[in-house]
Amino acid sequence: MTEVIVDVRERDEYEVEHVEGSINVPLSAFQTAAPGVLNLVKDRQIVFMCRSGARATQAFEQARGLGFDDAHVYSVYDGGIMAWIAAGLPVQKGAKAPLPLMRQMQIIVGTLLVVFTTLGATVSPWFSATAAFFGGGLLYAGITGNCAVASVLAKAPWNRHDPSVKKDYCKMSGGSACS
């Protein structure tokens, strides 16, 4: 019996990275979507996966409650996709996956420096003070390892579910942001 991975994370999490060939059935829609999916894969062992295992365990219980016990063999991938990645197993990165945190920060701060330097040269020299502020912020981040822009970006909606962003932020902060 071959296995199929049913990833119960939300769609945006799944699009960031997932196991190739897995099927996305978000836990939030599991009760309605699961019966159709489970009927399609009834000759295979079903392995539920989420980020760390909690939602997969809930999906496991819900699947058993849907009355498919006789037709399916269920299991939960312990540790979720985080454990899968930690084991060095391959994942498929989505085309919508965000840029690395350092590049996001460089693009934003670089753009702001160009804009405010240009405004300082063409509109009012007071705009140069804002450019100096961002330059000082980069200097402070380089010296201390704490970057306010990276901190805000790590919490942005497009980064929130990407495990690599937390790792990037941890590296950028010299370990002070790691938990």
Protein backbone atom coordinates (compact mmCIF):
# COMPACT_ATOMS: atom_id res chain seq x y z
CA MET A 1 0.00 0.00 0.00
CA THR A 2 1.48 3.33 -1.04
CA GLU A 3 1.09 6.43 1.07
CA VAL A 4 -0.22 9.86 0.28
CA ILE A 5 0.48 12.93 2.39
CA VAL A 6 -2.53 15.10 3.18
CA ASP A 7 -1.21 18.50 4.28
CA VAL A 8 -3.78 20.19 6.51
CA ARG A 9 -2.08 23.59 6.75
CA GLU A 10 -3.86 26.61 5.31
CA ARG A 11 -3.39 27.30 1.59
CA ASP A 12 -0.94 30.20 2.06
CA GLU A 13 1.29 28.04 4.30
CA TYR A 14 1.15 25.19 1.79
CA GLU A 15 2.13 27.48 -1.09
CA VAL A 16 5.30 28.58 0.70
CA GLU A 17 6.64 25.02 0.83
CA HIS A 18 5.21 21.53 0.83
CA VAL A 19 6.11 17.92 0.19
CA GLU A 20 5.94 17.24 -3.53
CA GLY A 21 2.88 15.20 -4.43
CA SER A 22 1.06 16.03 -1.20
CA ILE A 23 -2.58 17.04 -1.22
CA ASN A 24 -3.64 20.24 0.52
CA VAL A 25 -6.87 19.95 2.52
CA PRO A 26 -6.84 22.83 5.04
CA LEU A 27 -8.08 21.89 8.49
CA SER A 28 -10.47 24.86 8.35
CA ALA A 29 -12.31 23.14 5.44
CA PHE A 30 -11.55 19.55 6.40
CA GLN A 31 -15.08 18.45 7.33
CA THR A 32 -16.42 19.39 3.89
CA ALA A 33 -13.42 18.66 1.64
CA ALA A 34 -12.03 15.52 3.26
CA PRO A 35 -14.75 13.01 2.24
CA GLY A 36 -14.13 13.65 -1.46
CA VAL A 37 -10.35 13.46 -1.09
CA LEU A 38 -10.48 10.37 1.12
CA ASN A 39 -12.68 8.59 -1.44
CA LEU A 40 -10.16 9.37 -4.18
CA VAL A 41 -7.24 7.85 -2.24
CA LYS A 42 -8.94 4.95 -0.49
CA ASP A 43 -6.38 2.41 -1.73
CA ARG A 44 -3.48 4.30 -0.13
CA GLN A 45 -2.21 4.90 3.40
CA ILE A 46 -2.99 8.49 4.42
CA VAL A 47 -0.35 10.45 6.34
CA PHE A 48 -1.58 13.72 7.79
CA MET A 49 0.94 16.56 7.99
CA CYS A 50 0.87 20.14 9.22
CA ARG A 51 3.55 22.53 10.48
CA SER A 52 4.38 20.73 13.73
CA GLY A 53 1.79 17.98 14.24
CA ALA A 54 -1.09 19.51 16.23
CA ARG A 55 -3.44 20.19 13.30
CA ALA A 56 -2.55 16.87 11.69
CA THR A 57 -3.65 15.12 14.89
CA GLN A 58 -6.95 17.01 14.76
CA ALA A 59 -7.42 15.99 11.10
CA PHE A 60 -6.63 12.38 12.05
CA GLU A 61 -9.41 12.44 14.67
CA GLN A 62 -11.85 14.15 12.29
CA ALA A 63 -11.13 11.63 9.52
CA ARG A 64 -11.83 8.76 11.88
CA GLY A 65 -15.06 10.48 12.87
CA LEU A 66 -16.18 10.72 9.25
CA GLY A 67 -16.65 6.95 9.12
CA PHE A 68 -13.77 6.02 6.80
CA ASP A 69 -12.02 3.78 9.35
CA ASP A 70 -12.64 0.55 7.46
CA ALA A 71 -11.42 1.87 4.12
CA HIS A 72 -8.29 3.76 5.20
CA VAL A 73 -5.10 3.48 7.18
CA TYR A 74 -4.26 6.79 8.83
CA SER A 75 -1.17 8.15 10.53
CA VAL A 76 0.27 11.52 11.56
CA TYR A 77 3.74 12.63 10.49
CA ASP A 78 5.34 13.40 13.85
CA GLY A 79 6.77 16.92 13.99
CA GLY A 80 5.09 18.00 10.74
CA ILE A 81 6.87 19.67 7.87
CA MET A 82 9.33 21.23 10.34
CA ALA A 83 10.60 17.73 11.20
CA TRP A 84 10.54 16.76 7.51
CA ILE A 85 12.78 19.72 6.66
CA ALA A 86 15.02 19.13 9.70
CA ALA A 87 15.54 15.56 8.45
CA GLY A 88 16.86 17.02 5.18
CA LEU A 89 13.96 15.67 3.10
CA PRO A 90 13.04 17.63 -0.04
CA VAL A 91 10.26 20.20 -0.18
CA GLN A 92 8.80 22.03 -3.10
CA LYS A 93 9.00 25.81 -2.73
CA GLY A 94 6.07 27.72 -4.13
CA ALA A 95 6.47 30.39 -6.76
CA LYS A 96 4.75 32.72 -4.31
CA ALA A 97 7.32 32.09 -1.59
CA PRO A 98 8.67 35.38 -0.25
CA LEU A 99 12.19 36.61 -0.89
CA PRO A 100 14.72 36.00 1.88
CA LEU A 101 14.30 38.51 4.70
CA MET A 102 17.69 40.18 4.09
CA ARG A 103 16.78 40.88 0.45
CA GLN A 104 13.38 42.27 1.43
CA MET A 105 15.06 44.62 3.90
CA GLN A 106 17.69 45.70 1.35
CA ILE A 107 15.04 46.43 -1.29
CA ILE A 108 12.89 48.50 1.07
CA VAL A 109 15.69 50.48 2.72
CA GLY A 110 17.54 50.95 -0.58
CA THR A 111 14.39 52.27 -2.24
CA LEU A 112 13.72 54.66 0.65
CA LEU A 113 17.31 55.93 0.57
CA VAL A 114 17.11 56.63 -3.18
CA VAL A 115 13.71 58.35 -2.86
CA PHE A 116 14.65 60.57 0.09
CA THR A 117 18.09 61.42 -1.29
CA THR A 118 16.47 62.44 -4.59
CA LEU A 119 13.82 64.47 -2.78
CA GLY A 120 16.54 66.10 -0.68
CA ALA A 121 18.41 67.15 -3.82
CA THR A 122 15.36 68.32 -5.80
CA VAL A 123 12.61 69.41 -3.41
CA SER A 124 13.95 70.29 0.03
CA PRO A 125 17.16 69.53 1.89
CA TRP A 126 15.02 68.38 4.84
CA PHE A 127 14.30 65.13 3.00
CA SER A 128 18.01 64.34 3.32
CA ALA A 129 17.48 64.02 7.07
CA THR A 130 15.16 61.06 6.45
CA ALA A 131 17.78 59.45 4.20
CA ALA A 132 20.33 59.96 6.97
CA PHE A 133 17.90 58.37 9.44
CA PHE A 134 17.69 55.19 7.34
CA GLY A 135 21.45 55.16 6.83
CA GLY A 136 21.88 55.47 10.60
CA GLY A 137 19.42 52.62 11.05
CA LEU A 138 21.56 50.41 8.81
CA LEU A 139 24.66 51.39 10.77
CA TYR A 140 22.91 50.58 14.07
CA ALA A 141 21.69 47.22 12.68
CA GLY A 142 25.19 46.36 11.55
CA ILE A 143 26.74 47.17 14.92
CA THR A 144 24.09 45.66 17.20
CA GLY A 145 22.54 42.93 15.06
CA ASN A 146 19.06 44.39 15.71
CA CYS A 147 17.23 45.65 12.64
CA ALA A 148 13.84 47.30 13.13
CA VAL A 149 12.92 46.92 9.44
CA ALA A 150 13.70 43.18 9.49
CA SER A 151 11.70 42.82 12.71
CA VAL A 152 8.63 44.39 11.08
CA LEU A 153 9.10 42.42 7.86
CA ALA A 154 9.33 39.11 9.75
CA LYS A 155 5.79 39.75 11.03
CA ALA A 156 4.36 40.82 7.65
CA PRO A 157 1.45 38.69 6.35
CA TRP A 158 3.45 37.27 3.43
CA ASN A 159 6.24 36.15 5.79
CA ARG A 160 4.24 34.99 8.81
CA HIS A 161 3.94 31.32 7.80
CA ASP A 162 7.33 30.89 6.17
CA PRO A 163 9.62 28.97 8.54
CA SER A 164 12.70 30.16 6.65
CA VAL A 165 11.89 33.80 7.57
CA LYS A 166 12.19 33.06 11.30
CA LYS A 167 15.51 31.33 10.61
CA ASP A 168 16.70 34.30 8.50
CA TYR A 169 15.69 36.77 11.22
CA CYS A 170 17.43 34.66 13.85
CA LYS A 171 20.64 34.71 11.77
CA MET A 172 20.36 38.44 11.06
CA SER A 173 19.99 39.24 14.75
CA GLY A 174 23.03 37.22 15.70
CA GLY A 175 20.84 34.79 17.65
CA SER A 176 19.20 37.39 19.90
CA ALA A 177 15.82 36.90 18.20
CA CYS A 178 15.88 33.10 18.40
CA SER A 179 13.46 31.29 20.66
